Amino acid sequence: MSSIRRALVYTTAERYVNLLTNFALVAGISRLLTPEQVGVSALGAMVVAFSETVRDIPTGYLVQQPRLRSGDVRAAYTAMLAISLLIAVGLVLGAGWIGSFYQGEHIHAYTYLIAASLLPGPFERPIMSLMRREMEFGRIAQINVATCLVNAATTLGLAAAGYGILSFGWGLLFGSLTTLALAMKNGRDWSWRNYWPSARGWRRVVAFGGFTSATALLGSLYEMLPVLVLSRTQPFHVVGLFNRATLVVQLPDRVLISGLAPVLFPAFAAEARANRPLAPQYVSAISYFTSLQFPAMALVAVLTEPIVRILLGPQWGEVVPIVRLMALASLMVIPTQVTYGVMVAAGAVRPMLLSTLINRPICAVITVIAAMNGLTWLALSLFVTIPINTIVVQIFVRRRIGFAWADLARVCIANLGLGLITCAAPLAMAAANGWDFSYASLSQLLVAIVGSAAGWVIGLKLTRNRLFRDIGDLGAMAWGRLVRYLDARRSAA
């Protein structure tokens, strides 16, 4: 548990540094580029996410296996290299067609940069996977922070210099090269011998990664659907609005959930290797995640206007109702990071793929029809697709690890109540002002934020949430270290 707590500290610190960097990047880019340019960049980000999903097939294998055999790292590297080269060549050859299909400025050159940014991946991902296997999240945090800073500085600088969407491509490329350089420098198991292509053991890698990557691939295709449909049926600025609305709704995940998620899979895998039951850990993880996610999503729905105004700027006011609908719908989400992590750790890659094959086609049809009718319908469709996905996935998880429905319902209902208590202060302020949710003055916004924080802590206490005790333990530990440090300084003086 101590190693898991240290990992949580490292990853949480990393995410907060990266979050502040991304805040600066989003705020700057939203003011430097037009919604049309942001829409084009969203297509590129979609291509990158899809490509990384496909080419990261072997990384989970290196983390999950109880014993790594000789040549497993070389087999993983070889598979990633082949996939990356195939995707990069396909992007280069298809750059002209992509540019003419979407009829956007500099899209073909942007596609070349995306292809180049994929090439360092096969060399650094195996190293990073071995670090995750050994729970070396301190080193991983340093690498990821440096990559984020380089990416953001490059993108912002070039956008300010007038490079438009090409600034995103150069940011991706320089960020990938930074990750490669630092991974080679800090990886304990790094060796040139791991980078000689080898087909030995590829069947084990593909057999494991085939199901997990197919699941992730279907998920990526599903996430791409709204952008693909909007880009062909609506003006590009609508794609930009959807991209920024999604970004705002994902703030809680970026702020809170992403800092914990990288630890989950190695932690679940360690429990599985020790033959301990995963159901108690799974319900506990759901409790932790939803005690952060549900209040945060409720708060985004209430404070949408000031969040959009501060983060994106006044020119993005059109996204406010879309963000509010998407945030409310997201209150029905069970964090996919938890379900994915426990299913892979339990070796249930086939059931995970089957659950995806059941729910994604249904949700895809609903999403496509909604997207063809505009952003509002697309946001409303989430109230249907999210429950479908959540219910189907939980059925398959329960069949594998055997948690009790009552335990899951108890923590979710309690944390929905926690979200309501968290939003009590800003809701009361809005009601007192005639249901005005703008919080236009700085004093109003500060009172709403402080009141929400106080409401969350009170809610943790009222709902007897375990996180309340853990926060107290963390505070006591920090205070003890401060006292010891001050005592040592006085003794030295």
Protein backbone atom coordinates (compact mmCIF):
# COMPACT_ATOMS: atom_id res chain seq x y z
CA MET A 1 0.00 0.00 0.00
CA SER A 2 2.89 2.38 0.68
CA SER A 3 4.14 1.98 -2.88
CA ILE A 4 0.63 2.65 -4.20
CA ARG A 5 0.31 5.78 -2.07
CA ARG A 6 3.69 7.04 -3.26
CA ALA A 7 2.62 6.36 -6.83
CA LEU A 8 -0.59 8.29 -6.25
CA VAL A 9 1.37 11.25 -4.89
CA TYR A 10 3.71 11.28 -7.89
CA THR A 11 0.99 10.89 -10.50
CA THR A 12 -1.30 13.42 -8.83
CA ALA A 13 1.52 15.98 -8.65
CA GLU A 14 2.32 15.30 -12.29
CA ARG A 15 -1.28 15.76 -13.39
CA TYR A 16 -1.65 19.03 -11.54
CA VAL A 17 1.49 20.47 -13.10
CA ASN A 18 0.35 19.30 -16.51
CA LEU A 19 -3.11 20.63 -15.80
CA LEU A 20 -1.82 24.13 -15.10
CA THR A 21 0.28 23.93 -18.26
CA ASN A 22 -2.71 22.81 -20.31
CA PHE A 23 -4.84 25.56 -18.80
CA ALA A 24 -2.34 28.09 -20.09
CA LEU A 25 -2.23 26.31 -23.47
CA VAL A 26 -6.02 26.13 -23.86
CA ALA A 27 -6.53 29.72 -22.72
CA GLY A 28 -3.85 30.98 -25.10
CA ILE A 29 -4.85 28.87 -28.10
CA SER A 30 -8.54 29.71 -27.67
CA ARG A 31 -7.64 33.38 -27.97
CA LEU A 32 -5.01 33.04 -30.72
CA LEU A 33 -6.87 30.73 -33.11
CA THR A 34 -10.35 30.78 -34.57
CA PRO A 35 -13.00 28.10 -33.89
CA GLU A 36 -12.43 26.84 -37.46
CA GLN A 37 -8.71 26.30 -36.78
CA VAL A 38 -9.49 24.62 -33.47
CA GLY A 39 -11.90 22.35 -35.34
CA VAL A 40 -9.16 21.31 -37.78
CA SER A 41 -6.77 20.65 -34.88
CA ALA A 42 -9.45 18.45 -33.31
CA LEU A 43 -9.32 16.22 -36.39
CA GLY A 44 -5.57 15.90 -35.94
CA ALA A 45 -5.90 15.11 -32.25
CA MET A 46 -8.44 12.44 -33.17
CA VAL A 47 -6.00 10.86 -35.63
CA VAL A 48 -3.22 10.86 -33.01
CA ALA A 49 -5.46 9.27 -30.37
CA PHE A 50 -6.60 6.59 -32.82
CA SER A 51 -3.04 5.85 -33.95
CA GLU A 52 -1.73 5.56 -30.40
CA THR A 53 -4.55 3.19 -29.51
CA VAL A 54 -3.61 0.90 -32.39
CA ARG A 55 0.14 0.99 -31.91
CA ASP A 56 0.11 0.61 -28.10
CA ILE A 57 -1.04 -3.01 -28.31
CA PRO A 58 1.98 -4.53 -26.49
CA THR A 59 2.34 -2.05 -23.62
CA GLY A 60 -0.32 -3.64 -21.41
CA TYR A 61 1.31 -7.04 -21.95
CA LEU A 62 4.61 -5.82 -20.49
CA VAL A 63 2.83 -4.57 -17.36
CA GLN A 64 0.38 -7.42 -16.78
CA GLN A 65 2.48 -10.56 -17.30
CA PRO A 66 3.53 -12.30 -14.05
CA ARG A 67 6.93 -13.12 -15.57
CA LEU A 68 8.50 -11.49 -18.58
CA ARG A 69 10.26 -13.97 -20.83
CA SER A 70 13.46 -13.33 -22.70
CA GLY A 71 12.73 -11.37 -25.83
CA ASP A 72 9.32 -10.02 -24.71
CA VAL A 73 10.55 -6.42 -24.79
CA ARG A 74 12.06 -6.89 -28.25
CA ALA A 75 8.83 -8.48 -29.49
CA ALA A 76 6.80 -5.58 -28.09
CA TYR A 77 9.14 -3.03 -29.68
CA THR A 78 8.99 -4.84 -33.04
CA ALA A 79 5.19 -4.93 -33.04
CA MET A 80 4.95 -1.23 -32.14
CA LEU A 81 7.52 -0.27 -34.76
CA ALA A 82 5.70 -2.15 -37.52
CA ILE A 83 2.34 -0.63 -36.61
CA SER A 84 3.78 2.89 -36.26
CA LEU A 85 5.53 2.72 -39.63
CA LEU A 86 2.37 1.41 -41.29
CA ILE A 87 0.25 4.25 -39.86
CA ALA A 88 2.88 6.92 -40.63
CA VAL A 89 3.27 5.78 -44.22
CA GLY A 90 -0.50 5.68 -44.62
CA LEU A 91 -0.80 9.26 -43.32
CA VAL A 92 1.96 10.51 -45.62
CA LEU A 93 0.47 8.84 -48.68
CA GLY A 94 -3.02 10.01 -47.80
CA ALA A 95 -2.13 13.57 -46.77
CA GLY A 96 -3.18 15.07 -50.07
CA TRP A 97 -6.49 13.25 -50.10
CA ILE A 98 -7.19 14.22 -46.47
CA GLY A 99 -6.46 17.88 -47.28
CA SER A 100 -8.78 17.90 -50.28
CA PHE A 101 -11.51 15.93 -48.48
CA TYR A 102 -11.76 18.37 -45.56
CA GLN A 103 -10.77 21.43 -47.62
CA GLY A 104 -8.92 23.11 -44.77
CA GLU A 105 -5.79 25.23 -44.91
CA HIS A 106 -2.47 23.44 -44.24
CA ILE A 107 -4.20 20.13 -43.44
CA HIS A 108 -1.79 18.15 -45.63
CA ALA A 109 1.29 19.63 -43.89
CA TYR A 110 -0.37 19.07 -40.51
CA THR A 111 -0.83 15.42 -41.49
CA TYR A 112 2.91 15.08 -42.26
CA LEU A 113 3.80 16.39 -38.81
CA ILE A 114 1.38 13.99 -37.14
CA ALA A 115 3.01 11.09 -39.02
CA ALA A 116 6.48 12.19 -37.89
CA SER A 117 5.34 12.53 -34.26
CA LEU A 118 4.34 8.84 -34.18
CA LEU A 119 7.83 7.54 -34.99
CA PRO A 120 9.57 8.04 -31.59
CA GLY A 121 6.81 6.06 -29.83
CA PRO A 122 8.05 2.48 -30.43
CA PHE A 123 11.40 3.39 -28.86
CA GLU A 124 10.08 4.99 -25.66
CA ARG A 125 6.84 3.13 -24.92
CA PRO A 126 8.44 -0.20 -23.89
CA ILE A 127 10.71 1.68 -21.48
CA MET A 128 7.77 3.56 -19.98
CA SER A 129 5.79 0.32 -19.68
CA LEU A 130 8.60 -1.32 -17.72
CA MET A 131 8.67 1.72 -15.43
CA ARG A 132 4.93 1.34 -14.80
CA ARG A 133 5.41 -2.36 -14.10
CA GLU A 134 7.96 -1.52 -11.40
CA MET A 135 5.75 1.34 -10.06
CA GLU A 136 8.47 3.92 -10.83
CA PHE A 137 5.95 6.72 -11.11
CA GLY A 138 8.37 9.35 -9.89
CA ARG A 139 10.49 8.95 -13.02
CA ILE A 140 7.39 8.73 -15.20
CA ALA A 141 6.03 11.95 -13.70
CA GLN A 142 9.26 13.83 -14.49
CA ILE A 143 9.19 12.66 -18.10
CA ASN A 144 5.52 13.45 -18.63
CA VAL A 145 5.82 16.93 -17.11
CA ALA A 146 8.80 17.77 -19.32
CA THR A 147 6.93 16.50 -22.39
CA CYS A 148 3.86 18.56 -21.54
CA LEU A 149 5.91 21.72 -21.03
CA VAL A 150 7.76 21.30 -24.33
CA ASN A 151 4.54 20.56 -26.21
CA ALA A 152 2.71 23.55 -24.72
CA ALA A 153 5.60 26.00 -25.18
CA THR A 154 6.11 24.95 -28.81
CA THR A 155 2.41 25.09 -29.66
CA LEU A 156 1.79 28.45 -28.00
CA GLY A 157 4.94 30.04 -29.39
CA LEU A 158 4.26 28.99 -32.95
CA ALA A 159 0.56 29.89 -32.71
CA ALA A 160 1.52 33.37 -31.54
CA ALA A 161 3.94 33.56 -34.49
CA GLY A 162 1.10 32.87 -36.93
CA TYR A 163 1.66 29.19 -37.76
CA GLY A 164 -2.01 28.31 -37.18
CA ILE A 165 -2.83 24.62 -37.01
CA LEU A 166 0.80 23.69 -37.83
CA SER A 167 1.70 24.79 -34.30
CA PHE A 168 -0.17 21.73 -32.98
CA GLY A 169 1.80 19.42 -35.27
CA TRP A 170 5.18 20.84 -34.25
CA GLY A 171 4.15 20.67 -30.60
CA LEU A 172 3.33 16.96 -30.97
CA LEU A 173 6.63 16.24 -32.70
CA PHE A 174 8.84 18.05 -30.19
CA GLY A 175 6.90 16.53 -27.31
CA SER A 176 7.43 13.01 -28.69
CA LEU A 177 11.15 13.61 -29.11
CA THR A 178 11.37 14.91 -25.53
CA THR A 179 9.70 11.77 -24.18
CA LEU A 180 12.09 9.57 -26.16
CA ALA A 181 15.21 11.38 -24.94
CA LEU A 182 14.18 11.35 -21.28
CA ALA A 183 12.94 7.74 -21.35
CA MET A 184 16.28 6.55 -22.71
CA LYS A 185 18.11 8.61 -20.09
CA ASN A 186 16.04 7.46 -17.09
CA GLY A 187 15.01 3.93 -18.00
CA ARG A 188 16.90 1.39 -15.90
CA ASP A 189 16.19 -1.44 -18.32
CA TRP A 190 17.10 0.51 -21.40
CA SER A 191 19.49 -1.26 -23.75
CA TRP A 192 20.18 -1.14 -27.46
CA ARG A 193 19.67 -4.92 -27.47
CA ASN A 194 15.95 -4.32 -26.94
CA TYR A 195 15.81 -2.43 -30.22
CA TRP A 196 16.86 -5.21 -32.54
CA PRO A 197 13.69 -6.34 -34.31
CA SER A 198 12.62 -9.82 -33.28
CA ALA A 199 9.57 -11.91 -34.12
CA ARG A 200 10.20 -14.28 -31.23
CA GLY A 201 7.28 -14.20 -28.81
CA TRP A 202 5.10 -12.03 -31.01
CA ARG A 203 2.21 -14.48 -30.74
CA ARG A 204 2.03 -14.01 -26.95
CA VAL A 205 2.12 -10.24 -27.33
CA VAL A 206 -0.55 -10.16 -30.03
CA ALA A 207 -2.73 -12.78 -28.29
CA PHE A 208 -2.88 -10.59 -25.19
CA GLY A 209 -2.92 -7.25 -26.95
CA GLY A 210 -5.29 -8.29 -29.69
CA PHE A 211 -8.39 -8.25 -27.49
CA THR A 212 -7.41 -5.21 -25.42
CA SER A 213 -6.41 -3.23 -28.48
CA ALA A 214 -9.58 -4.23 -30.31
CA THR A 215 -11.60 -2.95 -27.35
CA ALA A 216 -9.62 0.29 -27.24
CA LEU A 217 -9.84 0.60 -31.02
CA LEU A 218 -13.61 0.31 -30.98
CA GLY A 219 -13.70 2.88 -28.20
CA SER A 220 -11.55 5.27 -30.20
CA LEU A 221 -13.68 4.81 -33.31
CA TYR A 222 -16.76 5.56 -31.25
CA GLU A 223 -15.17 8.73 -29.83
CA MET A 224 -14.21 9.80 -33.35
CA LEU A 225 -17.77 9.54 -34.67
CA PRO A 226 -19.06 12.94 -33.50
CA VAL A 227 -16.09 14.78 -35.01
CA LEU A 228 -16.30 12.85 -38.27
CA VAL A 229 -20.04 13.45 -38.65
CA LEU A 230 -19.90 17.10 -37.59
CA SER A 231 -16.96 17.81 -39.90
CA ARG A 232 -18.97 16.57 -42.90
CA THR A 233 -22.43 17.89 -42.00
CA GLN A 234 -21.64 21.14 -40.16
CA PRO A 235 -19.22 24.06 -40.63
CA PHE A 236 -15.76 23.61 -39.13
CA HIS A 237 -16.46 26.12 -36.36
CA VAL A 238 -19.09 23.68 -35.02
CA VAL A 239 -16.36 21.05 -34.74
CA GLY A 240 -14.32 23.60 -32.83
CA LEU A 241 -17.23 24.30 -30.48
CA PHE A 242 -17.68 20.58 -29.83
CA ASN A 243 -13.96 20.17 -29.19
CA ARG A 244 -13.93 23.00 -26.63
CA ALA A 245 -17.15 21.81 -24.97
CA THR A 246 -15.67 18.32 -24.62
CA LEU A 247 -12.47 19.79 -23.21
CA VAL A 248 -14.36 21.70 -20.51
CA VAL A 249 -16.44 18.64 -19.56
CA GLN A 250 -13.27 16.57 -19.31
CA LEU A 251 -11.74 18.99 -16.81
CA PRO A 252 -12.67 16.84 -13.78
CA ASP A 253 -11.08 13.84 -15.45
CA ARG A 254 -7.92 15.80 -16.21
CA VAL A 255 -7.81 17.40 -12.76
CA LEU A 256 -8.78 14.47 -10.57
CA ILE A 257 -9.20 11.13 -12.31
CA SER A 258 -6.19 11.09 -14.63
CA GLY A 259 -3.84 11.53 -11.68
CA LEU A 260 -5.12 8.30 -10.14
CA ALA A 261 -5.78 6.21 -13.26
CA PRO A 262 -2.14 5.33 -14.18
CA VAL A 263 -1.76 3.61 -10.81
CA LEU A 264 -4.89 1.50 -11.09
CA PHE A 265 -3.85 -1.09 -13.65
CA PRO A 266 -0.48 -1.92 -12.02
CA ALA A 267 -2.19 -2.02 -8.61
CA PHE A 268 -4.99 -4.33 -9.83
CA ALA A 269 -2.41 -6.45 -11.67
CA ALA A 270 -0.37 -6.84 -8.47
CA GLU A 271 -3.50 -7.98 -6.59
CA ALA A 272 -4.33 -10.45 -9.36
CA ARG A 273 -0.78 -11.85 -9.38
CA ALA A 274 -1.10 -12.41 -5.61
CA ASN A 275 -4.41 -14.28 -6.16
CA ARG A 276 -6.36 -11.83 -3.99
CA PRO A 277 -10.05 -11.05 -4.76
CA LEU A 278 -10.53 -7.95 -6.89
CA ALA A 279 -14.15 -7.13 -6.00
CA PRO A 280 -13.40 -5.21 -2.75
CA GLN A 281 -10.64 -3.20 -4.46
CA TYR A 282 -12.91 -2.49 -7.41
CA VAL A 283 -15.77 -1.12 -5.31
CA SER A 284 -13.29 0.86 -3.23
CA ALA A 285 -11.77 2.36 -6.39
CA ILE A 286 -15.24 3.26 -7.69
CA SER A 287 -15.98 4.96 -4.36
CA TYR A 288 -12.78 7.01 -4.51
CA PHE A 289 -13.23 8.02 -8.13
CA THR A 290 -16.92 8.93 -7.92
CA SER A 291 -16.42 10.90 -4.70
CA LEU A 292 -14.22 13.15 -6.82
CA GLN A 293 -15.91 12.84 -10.22
CA PHE A 294 -19.58 13.27 -9.31
CA PRO A 295 -19.16 16.49 -7.27
CA ALA A 296 -16.78 17.89 -9.90
CA MET A 297 -19.19 17.19 -12.76
CA ALA A 298 -22.09 18.71 -10.83
CA LEU A 299 -19.95 21.78 -10.16
CA VAL A 300 -19.05 22.10 -13.86
CA ALA A 301 -22.77 22.06 -14.70
CA VAL A 302 -23.47 24.83 -12.18
CA LEU A 303 -20.39 27.00 -12.88
CA THR A 304 -20.33 26.50 -16.66
CA GLU A 305 -20.50 30.19 -17.54
CA PRO A 306 -17.52 31.41 -15.45
CA ILE A 307 -15.48 28.33 -16.41
CA VAL A 308 -15.98 28.98 -20.14
CA ARG A 309 -15.41 32.72 -19.69
CA ILE A 310 -12.11 32.25 -17.84
CA LEU A 311 -10.74 29.24 -19.68
CA LEU A 312 -11.79 29.91 -23.26
CA GLY A 313 -12.70 33.58 -23.44
CA PRO A 314 -15.96 35.45 -24.14
CA GLN A 315 -15.99 34.48 -27.83
CA TRP A 316 -16.85 30.87 -26.89
CA GLY A 317 -20.17 31.63 -25.17
CA GLU A 318 -22.03 29.34 -27.59
CA VAL A 319 -20.65 26.26 -25.85
CA VAL A 320 -22.22 27.05 -22.44
CA PRO A 321 -25.55 25.15 -22.88
CA ILE A 322 -23.72 22.26 -24.58
CA VAL A 323 -21.23 21.96 -21.72
CA ARG A 324 -24.03 22.04 -19.14
CA LEU A 325 -25.92 19.20 -20.83
CA MET A 326 -22.79 17.09 -21.29
CA ALA A 327 -21.75 17.60 -17.65
CA LEU A 328 -25.16 16.54 -16.32
CA ALA A 329 -25.13 13.45 -18.54
CA SER A 330 -21.64 12.57 -17.26
CA LEU A 331 -23.05 12.10 -13.75
CA MET A 332 -24.12 8.66 -14.99
CA VAL A 333 -20.59 7.58 -15.90
CA ILE A 334 -18.74 4.91 -13.95
CA PRO A 335 -15.07 5.77 -14.63
CA THR A 336 -13.86 3.62 -17.51
CA GLN A 337 -10.32 3.73 -16.14
CA VAL A 338 -11.45 1.56 -13.22
CA THR A 339 -13.45 -0.97 -15.25
CA TYR A 340 -10.75 -1.26 -17.91
CA GLY A 341 -8.00 -1.67 -15.34
CA VAL A 342 -9.72 -4.40 -13.33
CA MET A 343 -10.81 -6.39 -16.39
CA VAL A 344 -7.36 -6.41 -17.97
CA ALA A 345 -5.72 -7.25 -14.64
CA ALA A 346 -8.16 -10.15 -14.22
CA GLY A 347 -7.27 -11.42 -17.70
CA ALA A 348 -10.84 -10.82 -18.91
CA VAL A 349 -9.87 -9.31 -22.23
CA ARG A 350 -12.38 -11.33 -24.26
CA PRO A 351 -15.41 -10.41 -22.12
CA MET A 352 -14.27 -6.79 -22.22
CA LEU A 353 -14.25 -6.90 -26.02
CA LEU A 354 -17.64 -8.63 -26.06
CA SER A 355 -19.19 -5.91 -23.90
CA THR A 356 -17.83 -3.32 -26.32
CA LEU A 357 -19.24 -5.18 -29.31
CA ILE A 358 -22.67 -5.17 -27.64
CA ASN A 359 -22.99 -1.57 -26.52
CA ARG A 360 -20.89 0.43 -29.01
CA PRO A 361 -22.91 -0.32 -32.19
CA ILE A 362 -26.15 0.71 -30.46
CA CYS A 363 -24.59 3.88 -29.08
CA ALA A 364 -22.90 4.63 -32.41
CA VAL A 365 -26.21 4.67 -34.29
CA ILE A 366 -27.72 7.03 -31.71
CA THR A 367 -24.62 9.28 -31.81
CA VAL A 368 -24.52 9.54 -35.62
CA ILE A 369 -28.21 10.41 -35.87
CA ALA A 370 -27.86 13.00 -33.11
CA ALA A 371 -24.68 14.56 -34.57
CA MET A 372 -26.35 15.00 -37.95
CA ASN A 373 -28.89 17.25 -36.22
CA GLY A 374 -26.38 19.50 -34.47
CA LEU A 375 -24.60 20.00 -31.16
CA THR A 376 -27.67 20.22 -28.93
CA TRP A 377 -29.01 16.86 -30.07
CA LEU A 378 -25.54 15.37 -29.77
CA ALA A 379 -25.32 16.52 -26.15
CA LEU A 380 -28.83 15.24 -25.38
CA SER A 381 -27.97 11.83 -26.86
CA LEU A 382 -25.49 11.31 -24.02
CA PHE A 383 -28.41 10.85 -21.62
CA VAL A 384 -29.17 7.67 -23.56
CA THR A 385 -25.76 6.35 -24.65
CA ILE A 386 -23.97 6.76 -21.30
CA PRO A 387 -26.47 4.63 -19.30
CA ILE A 388 -26.42 1.94 -21.99
CA ASN A 389 -22.64 1.73 -21.91
CA THR A 390 -22.44 1.85 -18.10
CA ILE A 391 -25.00 -0.91 -17.52
CA VAL A 392 -23.56 -3.31 -20.11
CA VAL A 393 -19.99 -2.87 -18.88
CA GLN A 394 -20.92 -3.36 -15.21
CA ILE A 395 -22.77 -6.58 -16.03
CA PHE A 396 -19.60 -8.02 -17.58
CA VAL A 397 -17.37 -6.78 -14.75
CA ARG A 398 -19.65 -8.35 -12.16
CA ARG A 399 -19.64 -11.67 -13.99
CA ARG A 400 -15.84 -11.65 -13.82
CA ILE A 401 -15.01 -10.44 -10.31
CA GLY A 402 -18.34 -10.94 -8.49
CA PHE A 403 -19.03 -7.62 -6.79
CA ALA A 404 -22.47 -7.01 -5.24
CA TRP A 405 -24.88 -4.66 -7.00
CA ALA A 406 -25.92 -3.26 -3.62
CA ASP A 407 -22.32 -2.27 -2.82
CA LEU A 408 -21.92 -0.47 -6.13
CA ALA A 409 -25.30 1.27 -5.84
CA ARG A 410 -24.51 2.36 -2.29
CA VAL A 411 -21.30 4.20 -3.19
CA CYS A 412 -22.78 5.76 -6.35
CA ILE A 413 -25.91 7.06 -4.61
CA ALA A 414 -23.87 8.38 -1.69
CA ASN A 415 -21.53 10.24 -4.04
CA LEU A 416 -24.40 11.67 -6.08
CA GLY A 417 -25.63 13.08 -2.79
CA LEU A 418 -22.12 14.35 -2.16
CA GLY A 419 -22.29 16.18 -5.49
CA LEU A 420 -25.56 17.85 -4.51
CA ILE A 421 -24.13 18.99 -1.17
CA THR A 422 -21.04 20.31 -2.95
CA CYS A 423 -23.16 22.49 -5.23
CA ALA A 424 -25.46 23.76 -2.46
CA ALA A 425 -23.67 27.11 -2.01
CA PRO A 426 -23.43 28.15 -5.70
CA LEU A 427 -27.01 26.95 -6.30
CA ALA A 428 -28.25 29.05 -3.39
CA MET A 429 -26.40 32.08 -4.77
CA ALA A 430 -27.89 31.57 -8.24
CA ALA A 431 -31.38 31.21 -6.75
CA ALA A 432 -30.94 34.40 -4.73
CA ASN A 433 -29.98 36.25 -7.94
CA GLY A 434 -33.04 35.09 -9.90
CA TRP A 435 -31.40 31.89 -11.11
CA ASP A 436 -28.54 33.80 -12.71
CA PHE A 437 -25.65 31.37 -13.18
CA SER A 438 -23.17 33.89 -14.58
CA TYR A 439 -21.39 34.71 -11.28
CA ALA A 440 -20.24 37.84 -13.04
CA SER A 441 -18.34 39.50 -10.19
CA LEU A 442 -15.11 38.14 -8.78
CA SER A 443 -16.50 38.15 -5.25
CA GLN A 444 -19.50 36.03 -6.29
CA LEU A 445 -17.26 33.51 -8.02
CA LEU A 446 -14.88 33.27 -5.06
CA VAL A 447 -17.75 32.74 -2.63
CA ALA A 448 -19.18 30.03 -4.91
CA ILE A 449 -15.84 28.23 -5.13
CA VAL A 450 -15.08 28.44 -1.40
CA GLY A 451 -18.63 27.39 -0.57
CA SER A 452 -18.35 24.40 -2.90
CA ALA A 453 -15.07 23.30 -1.34
CA ALA A 454 -16.57 23.58 2.15
CA GLY A 455 -19.68 21.73 0.99
CA TRP A 456 -17.57 18.90 -0.42
CA VAL A 457 -15.68 18.43 2.86
CA ILE A 458 -18.92 18.57 4.85
CA GLY A 459 -20.48 16.11 2.42
CA LEU A 460 -17.59 13.70 2.86
CA LYS A 461 -18.18 13.82 6.60
CA LEU A 462 -21.97 13.43 6.35
CA THR A 463 -21.76 10.51 3.91
CA ARG A 464 -19.00 8.86 5.99
CA ASN A 465 -16.77 8.71 2.98
CA ARG A 466 -13.46 6.96 3.49
CA LEU A 467 -11.75 9.76 1.59
CA PHE A 468 -12.49 12.10 4.53
CA ARG A 469 -10.33 9.95 6.80
CA ASP A 470 -7.60 9.64 4.18
CA ILE A 471 -7.49 13.43 3.73
CA GLY A 472 -7.13 13.77 7.50
CA ASP A 473 -4.32 11.20 7.53
CA LEU A 474 -2.56 13.00 4.69
CA GLY A 475 -2.90 16.34 6.49
CA ALA A 476 -1.55 14.83 9.71
CA MET A 477 1.39 13.31 7.84
CA ALA A 478 2.19 16.62 6.14
CA TRP A 479 1.94 18.49 9.45
CA GLY A 480 4.21 15.95 11.16
CA ARG A 481 6.84 16.30 8.45
CA LEU A 482 6.68 20.09 8.72
CA VAL A 483 7.11 19.95 12.50
CA ARG A 484 10.09 17.59 12.19
CA TYR A 485 11.65 19.83 9.55
CA LEU A 486 11.25 22.94 11.75
CA ASP A 487 12.63 21.08 14.76
CA ALA A 488 15.64 19.97 12.73
CA ARG A 489 16.25 23.56 11.57
CA ARG A 490 16.09 24.86 15.16
CA SER A 491 18.46 22.12 16.34
CA ALA A 492 20.93 22.92 13.55
CA ALA A 493 20.82 26.62 14.45
